[in-house]
Amino acid sequence: MTLPSEPDFQNDPETEPQNLRFLRRLVTTLTVIMVGGLLAVVALLVIRLSDAPTPALPQMPGQITLPEGEVARAVTFGPGWIAVVTTSDKILILDAKTGDLRQDITIK
């Protein structure tokens, strides 16, 4: 008496169960979608980060002149103005086009 042998699924696709075939196609499809999504995210990051706009600095000879004895700690840009936080705990608001001092705020 011989026992029936198990079907050879790898060599004979005709004997492959339908659920296994569906699962194999599903995994392949999801892999392709994940690779495509990853490529899309990388492409969007490259496009977005390479196009970073730089803030417009004053139309002066390339630098902002701070009052005597002031050293910049941080700078932020706004519409038409530049704020410079100094090491002496002051906020200097400068005109973005000319670099002239608009306002001087002391931090307490």
PDB file of N, CA and C in Angstrom:
ATOM      1  N   MET A   1       0.844  -1.169   0.000  1.00  0.00           N
ATOM      2  CA  MET A   1       0.000   0.000   0.000  1.00  0.00           C
ATOM      3  C   MET A   1       0.893   1.237   0.000  1.00  0.00           C
ATOM      4  N   THR A   2       0.660   2.098  -0.958  1.00  0.00           N
ATOM      5  CA  THR A   2       1.459   3.314  -1.045  1.00  0.00           C
ATOM      6  C   THR A   2       0.621   4.495  -0.604  1.00  0.00           C
ATOM      7  N   LEU A   3       1.311   5.415   0.062  1.00  0.00           N
ATOM      8  CA  LEU A   3       0.632   6.641   0.514  1.00  0.00           C
ATOM      9  C   LEU A   3       0.645   7.669  -0.614  1.00  0.00           C
ATOM     10  N   PRO A   4      -0.434   8.443  -0.715  1.00  0.00           N
ATOM     11  CA  PRO A   4      -0.414   9.470  -1.770  1.00  0.00           C
ATOM     12  C   PRO A   4       0.618  10.543  -1.430  1.00  0.00           C
ATOM     13  N   SER A   5       1.352  10.917  -2.416  1.00  0.00           N
ATOM     14  CA  SER A   5       2.371  11.946  -2.174  1.00  0.00           C
ATOM     15  C   SER A   5       1.710  13.330  -2.206  1.00  0.00           C
ATOM     16  N   GLU A   6       2.377  14.261  -1.528  1.00  0.00           N
ATOM     17  CA  GLU A   6       1.873  15.643  -1.514  1.00  0.00           C
ATOM     18  C   GLU A   6       2.109  16.258  -2.891  1.00  0.00           C
ATOM     19  N   PRO A   7       1.211  17.118  -3.342  1.00  0.00           N
ATOM     20  CA  PRO A   7       1.420  17.736  -4.656  1.00  0.00           C
ATOM     21  C   PRO A   7       2.632  18.665  -4.623  1.00  0.00           C
ATOM     22  N   ASP A   8       3.339  18.717  -5.716  1.00  0.00           N
ATOM     23  CA  ASP A   8       4.520  19.569  -5.841  1.00  0.00           C
ATOM     24  C   ASP A   8       4.070  20.934  -6.372  1.00  0.00           C
ATOM     25  N   PHE A   9       3.845  21.883  -5.449  1.00  0.00           N
ATOM     26  CA  PHE A   9       3.296  23.195  -5.825  1.00  0.00           C
ATOM     27  C   PHE A   9       4.299  24.048  -6.589  1.00  0.00           C
ATOM     28  N   GLN A  10       5.573  23.919  -6.294  1.00  0.00           N
ATOM     29  CA  GLN A  10       6.559  24.788  -6.919  1.00  0.00           C
ATOM     30  C   GLN A  10       6.807  24.421  -8.378  1.00  0.00           C
ATOM     31  N   ASN A  11       6.723  23.170  -8.703  1.00  0.00           N
ATOM     32  CA  ASN A  11       7.018  22.740 -10.064  1.00  0.00           C
ATOM     33  C   ASN A  11       5.772  22.618 -10.934  1.00  0.00           C
ATOM     34  N   ASP A  12       4.630  22.568 -10.317  1.00  0.00           N
ATOM     35  CA  ASP A  12       3.396  22.366 -11.078  1.00  0.00           C
ATOM     36  C   ASP A  12       2.367  23.422 -10.654  1.00  0.00           C
ATOM     37  N   PRO A  13       2.287  24.542 -11.360  1.00  0.00           N
ATOM     38  CA  PRO A  13       1.355  25.606 -10.955  1.00  0.00           C
ATOM     39  C   PRO A  13      -0.112  25.200 -11.056  1.00  0.00           C
ATOM     40  N   GLU A  14      -0.392  24.159 -11.791  1.00  0.00           N
ATOM     41  CA  GLU A  14      -1.778  23.704 -11.917  1.00  0.00           C
ATOM     42  C   GLU A  14      -2.302  23.144 -10.605  1.00  0.00           C
ATOM     43  N   THR A  15      -1.444  22.573  -9.788  1.00  0.00           N
ATOM     44  CA  THR A  15      -1.891  21.967  -8.532  1.00  0.00           C
ATOM     45  C   THR A  15      -1.835  22.947  -7.365  1.00  0.00           C
ATOM     46  N   GLU A  16      -1.430  24.175  -7.610  1.00  0.00           N
ATOM     47  CA  GLU A  16      -1.335  25.178  -6.547  1.00  0.00           C
ATOM     48  C   GLU A  16      -2.737  25.569  -6.082  1.00  0.00           C
ATOM     49  N   PRO A  17      -2.967  25.586  -4.789  1.00  0.00           N
ATOM     50  CA  PRO A  17      -4.298  25.990  -4.311  1.00  0.00           C
ATOM     51  C   PRO A  17      -4.599  27.448  -4.679  1.00  0.00           C
ATOM     52  N   GLN A  18      -5.857  27.726  -4.889  1.00  0.00           N
ATOM     53  CA  GLN A  18      -6.257  29.059  -5.320  1.00  0.00           C
ATOM     54  C   GLN A  18      -5.946  30.112  -4.254  1.00  0.00           C
ATOM     55  N   ASN A  19      -6.108  29.784  -2.990  1.00  0.00           N
ATOM     56  CA  ASN A  19      -5.801  30.733  -1.917  1.00  0.00           C
ATOM     57  C   ASN A  19      -4.321  31.093  -1.897  1.00  0.00           C
ATOM     58  N   LEU A  20      -3.456  30.123  -2.140  1.00  0.00           N
ATOM     59  CA  LEU A  20      -2.022  30.372  -2.160  1.00  0.00           C
ATOM     60  C   LEU A  20      -1.640  31.243  -3.346  1.00  0.00           C
ATOM     61  N   ARG A  21      -2.245  31.016  -4.483  1.00  0.00           N
ATOM     62  CA  ARG A  21      -1.994  31.833  -5.669  1.00  0.00           C
ATOM     63  C   ARG A  21      -2.435  33.276  -5.424  1.00  0.00           C
ATOM     64  N   PHE A  22      -3.613  33.447  -4.807  1.00  0.00           N
ATOM     65  CA  PHE A  22      -4.118  34.784  -4.486  1.00  0.00           C
ATOM     66  C   PHE A  22      -3.180  35.488  -3.509  1.00  0.00           C
ATOM     67  N   LEU A  23      -2.710  34.773  -2.497  1.00  0.00           N
ATOM     68  CA  LEU A  23      -1.817  35.354  -1.503  1.00  0.00           C
ATOM     69  C   LEU A  23      -0.492  35.774  -2.137  1.00  0.00           C
ATOM     70  N   ARG A  24       0.042  34.948  -3.035  1.00  0.00           N
ATOM     71  CA  ARG A  24       1.295  35.281  -3.704  1.00  0.00           C
ATOM     72  C   ARG A  24       1.133  36.535  -4.558  1.00  0.00           C
ATOM     73  N   ARG A  25       0.048  36.647  -5.287  1.00  0.00           N
ATOM     74  CA  ARG A  25      -0.203  37.841  -6.114  1.00  0.00           C
ATOM     75  C   ARG A  25      -0.426  39.073  -5.248  1.00  0.00           C
ATOM     76  N   LEU A  26      -1.102  38.907  -4.128  1.00  0.00           N
ATOM     77  CA  LEU A  26      -1.350  40.016  -3.213  1.00  0.00           C
ATOM     78  C   LEU A  26      -0.047  40.553  -2.626  1.00  0.00           C
ATOM     79  N   VAL A  27       0.824  39.659  -2.200  1.00  0.00           N
ATOM     80  CA  VAL A  27       2.115  40.080  -1.646  1.00  0.00           C
ATOM     81  C   VAL A  27       2.949  40.781  -2.712  1.00  0.00           C
ATOM     82  N   THR A  28       2.961  40.266  -3.909  1.00  0.00           N
ATOM     83  CA  THR A  28       3.709  40.904  -4.994  1.00  0.00           C
ATOM     84  C   THR A  28       3.159  42.297  -5.296  1.00  0.00           C
ATOM     85  N   THR A  29       1.850  42.419  -5.372  1.00  0.00           N
ATOM     86  CA  THR A  29       1.225  43.717  -5.637  1.00  0.00           C
ATOM     87  C   THR A  29       1.529  44.722  -4.535  1.00  0.00           C
ATOM     88  N   LEU A  30       1.420  44.300  -3.286  1.00  0.00           N
ATOM     89  CA  LEU A  30       1.702  45.205  -2.172  1.00  0.00           C
ATOM     90  C   LEU A  30       3.171  45.617  -2.139  1.00  0.00           C
ATOM     91  N   THR A  31       4.059  44.725  -2.514  1.00  0.00           N
ATOM     92  CA  THR A  31       5.484  45.064  -2.577  1.00  0.00           C
ATOM     93  C   THR A  31       5.736  46.135  -3.630  1.00  0.00           C
ATOM     94  N   VAL A  32       5.127  45.967  -4.794  1.00  0.00           N
ATOM     95  CA  VAL A  32       5.285  46.950  -5.866  1.00  0.00           C
ATOM     96  C   VAL A  32       4.724  48.304  -5.429  1.00  0.00           C
ATOM     97  N   ILE A  33       3.588  48.307  -4.768  1.00  0.00           N
ATOM     98  CA  ILE A  33       2.984  49.562  -4.301  1.00  0.00           C
ATOM     99  C   ILE A  33       3.865  50.231  -3.250  1.00  0.00           C
ATOM    100  N   MET A  34       4.419  49.446  -2.328  1.00  0.00           N
ATOM    101  CA  MET A  34       5.288  50.025  -1.299  1.00  0.00           C
ATOM    102  C   MET A  34       6.557  50.618  -1.903  1.00  0.00           C
ATOM    103  N   VAL A  35       7.154  49.946  -2.865  1.00  0.00           N
ATOM    104  CA  VAL A  35       8.354  50.479  -3.511  1.00  0.00           C
ATOM    105  C   VAL A  35       8.011  51.766  -4.261  1.00  0.00           C
ATOM    106  N   GLY A  36       6.887  51.774  -4.953  1.00  0.00           N
ATOM    107  CA  GLY A  36       6.450  52.995  -5.646  1.00  0.00           C
ATOM    108  C   GLY A  36       6.189  54.137  -4.682  1.00  0.00           C
ATOM    109  N   GLY A  37       5.560  53.850  -3.561  1.00  0.00           N
ATOM    110  CA  GLY A  37       5.304  54.882  -2.555  1.00  0.00           C
ATOM    111  C   GLY A  37       6.586  55.426  -1.960  1.00  0.00           C
ATOM    112  N   LEU A  38       7.529  54.558  -1.689  1.00  0.00           N
ATOM    113  CA  LEU A  38       8.817  54.996  -1.153  1.00  0.00           C
ATOM    114  C   LEU A  38       9.547  55.887  -2.155  1.00  0.00           C
ATOM    115  N   LEU A  39       9.528  55.502  -3.413  1.00  0.00           N
ATOM    116  CA  LEU A  39      10.151  56.338  -4.447  1.00  0.00           C
ATOM    117  C   LEU A  39       9.462  57.693  -4.564  1.00  0.00           C
ATOM    118  N   ALA A  40       8.139  57.717  -4.435  1.00  0.00           N
ATOM    119  CA  ALA A  40       7.413  58.983  -4.499  1.00  0.00           C
ATOM    120  C   ALA A  40       7.770  59.885  -3.321  1.00  0.00           C
ATOM    121  N   VAL A  41       7.870  59.323  -2.129  1.00  0.00           N
ATOM    122  CA  VAL A  41       8.235  60.121  -0.953  1.00  0.00           C
ATOM    123  C   VAL A  41       9.647  60.684  -1.096  1.00  0.00           C
ATOM    124  N   VAL A  42      10.583  59.868  -1.548  1.00  0.00           N
ATOM    125  CA  VAL A  42      11.949  60.342  -1.743  1.00  0.00           C
ATOM    126  C   VAL A  42      11.992  61.440  -2.802  1.00  0.00           C
ATOM    127  N   ALA A  43      11.267  61.261  -3.895  1.00  0.00           N
ATOM    128  CA  ALA A  43      11.245  62.283  -4.954  1.00  0.00           C
ATOM    129  C   ALA A  43      10.646  63.588  -4.439  1.00  0.00           C
ATOM    130  N   LEU A  44       9.565  63.505  -3.674  1.00  0.00           N
ATOM    131  CA  LEU A  44       8.960  64.726  -3.129  1.00  0.00           C
ATOM    132  C   LEU A  44       9.893  65.423  -2.146  1.00  0.00           C
ATOM    133  N   LEU A  45      10.603  64.669  -1.326  1.00  0.00           N
ATOM    134  CA  LEU A  45      11.559  65.277  -0.409  1.00  0.00           C
ATOM    135  C   LEU A  45      12.685  65.979  -1.154  1.00  0.00           C
ATOM    136  N   VAL A  46      13.199  65.337  -2.190  1.00  0.00           N
ATOM    137  CA  VAL A  46      14.270  65.950  -2.968  1.00  0.00           C
ATOM    138  C   VAL A  46      13.780  67.228  -3.636  1.00  0.00           C
ATOM    139  N   ILE A  47      12.606  67.193  -4.216  1.00  0.00           N
ATOM    140  CA  ILE A  47      12.060  68.377  -4.882  1.00  0.00           C
ATOM    141  C   ILE A  47      11.814  69.492  -3.875  1.00  0.00           C
ATOM    142  N   ARG A  48      11.217  69.139  -2.750  1.00  0.00           N
ATOM    143  CA  ARG A  48      10.855  70.149  -1.740  1.00  0.00           C
ATOM    144  C   ARG A  48      12.085  70.766  -1.088  1.00  0.00           C
ATOM    145  N   LEU A  49      13.080  69.950  -0.754  1.00  0.00           N
ATOM    146  CA  LEU A  49      14.241  70.471  -0.043  1.00  0.00           C
ATOM    147  C   LEU A  49      15.223  71.184  -0.962  1.00  0.00           C
ATOM    148  N   SER A  50      15.252  70.853  -2.233  1.00  0.00           N
ATOM    149  CA  SER A  50      16.165  71.536  -3.147  1.00  0.00           C
ATOM    150  C   SER A  50      15.626  72.893  -3.577  1.00  0.00           C
ATOM    151  N   ASP A  51      14.353  73.126  -3.374  1.00  0.00           N
ATOM    152  CA  ASP A  51      13.725  74.377  -3.783  1.00  0.00           C
ATOM    153  C   ASP A  51      13.474  75.311  -2.606  1.00  0.00           C
ATOM    154  N   ALA A  52      14.217  75.149  -1.505  1.00  0.00           N
ATOM    155  CA  ALA A  52      13.981  75.955  -0.306  1.00  0.00           C
ATOM    156  C   ALA A  52      14.282  77.426  -0.597  1.00  0.00           C
ATOM    157  N   PRO A  53      13.283  78.280  -0.429  1.00  0.00           N
ATOM    158  CA  PRO A  53      13.516  79.704  -0.684  1.00  0.00           C
ATOM    159  C   PRO A  53      14.392  80.309   0.414  1.00  0.00           C
ATOM    160  N   THR A  54      15.290  81.149   0.003  1.00  0.00           N
ATOM    161  CA  THR A  54      16.115  81.851   0.987  1.00  0.00           C
ATOM    162  C   THR A  54      15.499  83.209   1.257  1.00  0.00           C
ATOM    163  N   PRO A  55      15.523  83.647   2.511  1.00  0.00           N
ATOM    164  CA  PRO A  55      14.938  84.940   2.819  1.00  0.00           C
ATOM    165  C   PRO A  55      15.729  86.075   2.177  1.00  0.00           C
ATOM    166  N   ALA A  56      15.019  87.118   1.808  1.00  0.00           N
ATOM    167  CA  ALA A  56      15.658  88.262   1.166  1.00  0.00           C
ATOM    168  C   ALA A  56      16.371  89.105   2.219  1.00  0.00           C
ATOM    169  N   LEU A  57      17.660  89.272   2.044  1.00  0.00           N
ATOM    170  CA  LEU A  57      18.439  90.113   2.946  1.00  0.00           C
ATOM    171  C   LEU A  57      18.388  91.555   2.459  1.00  0.00           C
ATOM    172  N   PRO A  58      18.748  92.482   3.311  1.00  0.00           N
ATOM    173  CA  PRO A  58      18.718  93.887   2.898  1.00  0.00           C
ATOM    174  C   PRO A  58      19.597  94.138   1.679  1.00  0.00           C
ATOM    175  N   GLN A  59      19.210  95.118   0.892  1.00  0.00           N
ATOM    176  CA  GLN A  59      19.960  95.475  -0.308  1.00  0.00           C
ATOM    177  C   GLN A  59      21.150  96.349   0.083  1.00  0.00           C
ATOM    178  N   MET A  60      22.037  95.780   0.868  1.00  0.00           N
ATOM    179  CA  MET A  60      23.227  96.488   1.328  1.00  0.00           C
ATOM    180  C   MET A  60      24.443  95.709   0.840  1.00  0.00           C
ATOM    181  N   PRO A  61      25.632  96.153   1.187  1.00  0.00           N
ATOM    182  CA  PRO A  61      26.826  95.442   0.701  1.00  0.00           C
ATOM    183  C   PRO A  61      27.007  94.054   1.299  1.00  0.00           C
ATOM    184  N   GLY A  62      25.961  93.303   1.519  1.00  0.00           N
ATOM    185  CA  GLY A  62      26.077  91.915   1.912  1.00  0.00           C
ATOM    186  C   GLY A  62      25.999  91.623   3.393  1.00  0.00           C
ATOM    187  N   GLN A  63      25.779  92.609   4.235  1.00  0.00           N
ATOM    188  CA  GLN A  63      25.699  92.311   5.655  1.00  0.00           C
ATOM    189  C   GLN A  63      24.822  93.324   6.379  1.00  0.00           C
ATOM    190  N   ILE A  64      24.422  92.958   7.570  1.00  0.00           N
ATOM    191  CA  ILE A  64      23.634  93.837   8.431  1.00  0.00           C
ATOM    192  C   ILE A  64      24.588  94.430   9.455  1.00  0.00           C
ATOM    193  N   THR A  65      24.522  95.733   9.643  1.00  0.00           N
ATOM    194  CA  THR A  65      25.375  96.386  10.619  1.00  0.00           C
ATOM    195  C   THR A  65      24.593  96.570  11.910  1.00  0.00           C
ATOM    196  N   LEU A  66      25.099  95.983  12.986  1.00  0.00           N
ATOM    197  CA  LEU A  66      24.472  96.105  14.303  1.00  0.00           C
ATOM    198  C   LEU A  66      25.102  97.267  15.055  1.00  0.00           C
ATOM    199  N   PRO A  67      24.372  97.807  16.030  1.00  0.00           N
ATOM    200  CA  PRO A  67      24.956  98.877  16.851  1.00  0.00           C
ATOM    201  C   PRO A  67      26.237  98.406  17.542  1.00  0.00           C
ATOM    202  N   GLU A  68      27.069  99.340  17.951  1.00  0.00           N
ATOM    203  CA  GLU A  68      28.358  99.054  18.582  1.00  0.00           C
ATOM    204  C   GLU A  68      28.183  98.177  19.820  1.00  0.00           C
ATOM    205  N   GLY A  69      28.952  97.107  19.914  1.00  0.00           N
ATOM    206  CA  GLY A  69      28.946  96.228  21.078  1.00  0.00           C
ATOM    207  C   GLY A  69      27.892  95.128  21.049  1.00  0.00           C
ATOM    208  N   GLU A  70      27.046  95.097  20.037  1.00  0.00           N
ATOM    209  CA  GLU A  70      25.999  94.068  19.944  1.00  0.00           C
ATOM    210  C   GLU A  70      26.496  92.892  19.104  1.00  0.00           C
ATOM    211  N   VAL A  71      26.198  91.686  19.599  1.00  0.00           N
ATOM    212  CA  VAL A  71      26.555  90.460  18.877  1.00  0.00           C
ATOM    213  C   VAL A  71      25.271  89.660  18.675  1.00  0.00           C
ATOM    214  N   ALA A  72      25.023  89.250  17.459  1.00  0.00           N
ATOM    215  CA  ALA A  72      23.789  88.529  17.130  1.00  0.00           C
ATOM    216  C   ALA A  72      23.807  87.130  17.718  1.00  0.00           C
ATOM    217  N   ARG A  73      22.683  86.727  18.303  1.00  0.00           N
ATOM    218  CA  ARG A  73      22.489  85.374  18.827  1.00  0.00           C
ATOM    219  C   ARG A  73      21.531  84.599  17.923  1.00  0.00           C
ATOM    220  N   ALA A  74      20.496  85.300  17.426  1.00  0.00           N
ATOM    221  CA  ALA A  74      19.506  84.665  16.555  1.00  0.00           C
ATOM    222  C   ALA A  74      18.929  85.716  15.616  1.00  0.00           C
ATOM    223  N   VAL A  75      18.465  85.247  14.463  1.00  0.00           N
ATOM    224  CA  VAL A  75      17.883  86.142  13.457  1.00  0.00           C
ATOM    225  C   VAL A  75      16.597  85.514  12.958  1.00  0.00           C
ATOM    226  N   THR A  76      15.584  86.339  12.751  1.00  0.00           N
ATOM    227  CA  THR A  76      14.350  85.863  12.139  1.00  0.00           C
ATOM    228  C   THR A  76      13.877  86.908  11.134  1.00  0.00           C
ATOM    229  N   PHE A  77      13.158  86.453  10.135  1.00  0.00           N
ATOM    230  CA  PHE A  77      12.731  87.320   9.045  1.00  0.00           C
ATOM    231  C   PHE A  77      11.223  87.445   9.044  1.00  0.00           C
ATOM    232  N   GLY A  78      10.732  88.633   8.803  1.00  0.00           N
ATOM    233  CA  GLY A  78       9.307  88.886   8.688  1.00  0.00           C
ATOM    234  C   GLY A  78       9.041  89.677   7.419  1.00  0.00           C
ATOM    235  N   PRO A  79       7.772  89.980   7.170  1.00  0.00           N
ATOM    236  CA  PRO A  79       7.450  90.752   5.956  1.00  0.00           C
ATOM    237  C   PRO A  79       7.907  92.204   6.107  1.00  0.00           C
ATOM    238  N   GLY A  80       9.026  92.531   5.495  1.00  0.00           N
ATOM    239  CA  GLY A  80       9.524  93.897   5.523  1.00  0.00           C
ATOM    240  C   GLY A  80      10.423  94.210   6.709  1.00  0.00           C
ATOM    241  N   TRP A  81      10.724  93.241   7.541  1.00  0.00           N
ATOM    242  CA  TRP A  81      11.591  93.489   8.695  1.00  0.00           C
ATOM    243  C   TRP A  81      12.441  92.268   9.015  1.00  0.00           C
ATOM    244  N   ILE A  82      13.505  92.527   9.765  1.00  0.00           N
ATOM    245  CA  ILE A  82      14.401  91.477  10.246  1.00  0.00           C
ATOM    246  C   ILE A  82      14.571  91.710  11.741  1.00  0.00           C
ATOM    247  N   ALA A  83      14.399  90.652  12.535  1.00  0.00           N
ATOM    248  CA  ALA A  83      14.596  90.751  13.977  1.00  0.00           C
ATOM    249  C   ALA A  83      15.901  90.050  14.344  1.00  0.00           C
ATOM    250  N   VAL A  84      16.741  90.756  15.100  1.00  0.00           N
ATOM    251  CA  VAL A  84      18.011  90.202  15.542  1.00  0.00           C
ATOM    252  C   VAL A  84      18.001  90.173  17.064  1.00  0.00           C
ATOM    253  N   VAL A  85      18.156  88.989  17.631  1.00  0.00           N
ATOM    254  CA  VAL A  85      18.272  88.852  19.081  1.00  0.00           C
ATOM    255  C   VAL A  85      19.762  88.888  19.398  1.00  0.00           C
ATOM    256  N   THR A  86      20.145  89.774  20.331  1.00  0.00           N
ATOM    257  CA  THR A  86      21.559  89.943  20.642  1.00  0.00           C
ATOM    258  C   THR A  86      21.919  89.233  21.944  1.00  0.00           C
ATOM    259  N   THR A  87      23.219  89.111  22.192  1.00  0.00           N
ATOM    260  CA  THR A  87      23.694  88.473  23.424  1.00  0.00           C
ATOM    261  C   THR A  87      23.462  89.347  24.646  1.00  0.00           C
ATOM    262  N   SER A  88      23.170  90.615  24.453  1.00  0.00           N
ATOM    263  CA  SER A  88      22.878  91.509  25.582  1.00  0.00           C
ATOM    264  C   SER A  88      21.378  91.577  25.855  1.00  0.00           C
ATOM    265  N   ASP A  89      20.619  90.545  25.438  1.00  0.00           N
ATOM    266  CA  ASP A  89      19.175  90.425  25.668  1.00  0.00           C
ATOM    267  C   ASP A  89      18.383  91.607  25.120  1.00  0.00           C
ATOM    268  N   LYS A  90      18.632  91.926  23.871  1.00  0.00           N
ATOM    269  CA  LYS A  90      17.870  92.942  23.152  1.00  0.00           C
ATOM    270  C   LYS A  90      17.358  92.329  21.863  1.00  0.00           C
ATOM    271  N   ILE A  91      16.229  92.828  21.424  1.00  0.00           N
ATOM    272  CA  ILE A  91      15.697  92.465  20.108  1.00  0.00           C
ATOM    273  C   ILE A  91      15.740  93.724  19.261  1.00  0.00           C
ATOM    274  N   LEU A  92      16.481  93.648  18.175  1.00  0.00           N
ATOM    275  CA  LEU A  92      16.602  94.782  17.258  1.00  0.00           C
ATOM    276  C   LEU A  92      15.762  94.483  16.030  1.00  0.00           C
ATOM    277  N   ILE A  93      14.798  95.370  15.748  1.00  0.00           N
ATOM    278  CA  ILE A  93      13.962  95.231  14.555  1.00  0.00           C
ATOM    279  C   ILE A  93      14.549  96.145  13.494  1.00  0.00           C
ATOM    280  N   LEU A  94      14.982  95.536  12.390  1.00  0.00           N
ATOM    281  CA  LEU A  94      15.615  96.284  11.306  1.00  0.00           C
ATOM    282  C   LEU A  94      14.725  96.274  10.076  1.00  0.00           C
ATOM    283  N   ASP A  95      14.818  97.325   9.267  1.00  0.00           N
ATOM    284  CA  ASP A  95      14.103  97.381   7.998  1.00  0.00           C
ATOM    285  C   ASP A  95      14.762  96.391   7.036  1.00  0.00           C
ATOM    286  N   ALA A  96      13.962  95.589   6.358  1.00  0.00           N
ATOM    287  CA  ALA A  96      14.497  94.537   5.493  1.00  0.00           C
ATOM    288  C   ALA A  96      15.172  95.090   4.244  1.00  0.00           C
ATOM    289  N   LYS A  97      14.773  96.247   3.774  1.00  0.00           N
ATOM    290  CA  LYS A  97      15.355  96.788   2.542  1.00  0.00           C
ATOM    291  C   LYS A  97      16.595  97.622   2.806  1.00  0.00           C
ATOM    292  N   THR A  98      16.548  98.435   3.836  1.00  0.00           N
ATOM    293  CA  THR A  98      17.657  99.353   4.073  1.00  0.00           C
ATOM    294  C   THR A  98      18.579  98.907   5.188  1.00  0.00           C
ATOM    295  N   GLY A  99      18.097  98.110   6.115  1.00  0.00           N
ATOM    296  CA  GLY A  99      18.905  97.694   7.257  1.00  0.00           C
ATOM    297  C   GLY A  99      18.878  98.681   8.400  1.00  0.00           C
ATOM    298  N   ASP A 100      18.068  99.746   8.275  1.00  0.00           N
ATOM    299  CA  ASP A 100      17.976 100.757   9.338  1.00  0.00           C
ATOM    300  C   ASP A 100      17.244 100.190  10.542  1.00  0.00           C
ATOM    301  N   LEU A 101      17.637 100.644  11.726  1.00  0.00           N
ATOM    302  CA  LEU A 101      17.017 100.202  12.973  1.00  0.00           C
ATOM    303  C   LEU A 101      15.631 100.827  13.099  1.00  0.00           C
ATOM    304  N   ARG A 102      14.601 100.000  13.210  1.00  0.00           N
ATOM    305  CA  ARG A 102      13.224 100.477  13.392  1.00  0.00           C
ATOM    306  C   ARG A 102      12.865 100.554  14.868  1.00  0.00           C
ATOM    307  N   GLN A 103      13.252  99.512  15.613  1.00  0.00           N
ATOM    308  CA  GLN A 103      12.825  99.413  16.999  1.00  0.00           C
ATOM    309  C   GLN A 103      13.866  98.645  17.794  1.00  0.00           C
ATOM    310  N   ASP A 104      14.011  98.998  19.070  1.00  0.00           N
ATOM    311  CA  ASP A 104      14.961  98.349  19.970  1.00  0.00           C
ATOM    312  C   ASP A 104      14.169  97.916  21.206  1.00  0.00           C
ATOM    313  N   ILE A 105      14.094  96.603  21.450  1.00  0.00           N
ATOM    314  CA  ILE A 105      13.312  96.077  22.569  1.00  0.00           C
ATOM    315  C   ILE A 105      14.284  95.400  23.533  1.00  0.00           C
ATOM    316  N   THR A 106      14.209  95.787  24.821  1.00  0.00           N
ATOM    317  CA  THR A 106      15.043  95.162  25.838  1.00  0.00           C
ATOM    318  C   THR A 106      14.253  94.052  26.508  1.00  0.00           C
ATOM    319  N   ILE A 107      14.847  92.874  26.594  1.00  0.00           N
ATOM    320  CA  ILE A 107      14.191  91.720  27.223  1.00  0.00           C
ATOM    321  C   ILE A 107      14.507  91.762  28.710  1.00  0.00           C
ATOM    322  N   LYS A 108      13.459  91.726  29.530  1.00  0.00           N
ATOM    323  CA  LYS A 108      13.660  91.787  30.992  1.00  0.00           C
ATOM    324  C   LYS A 108      13.564  90.433  31.596  1.00  0.00           C
TER     325      LYS A 108
END
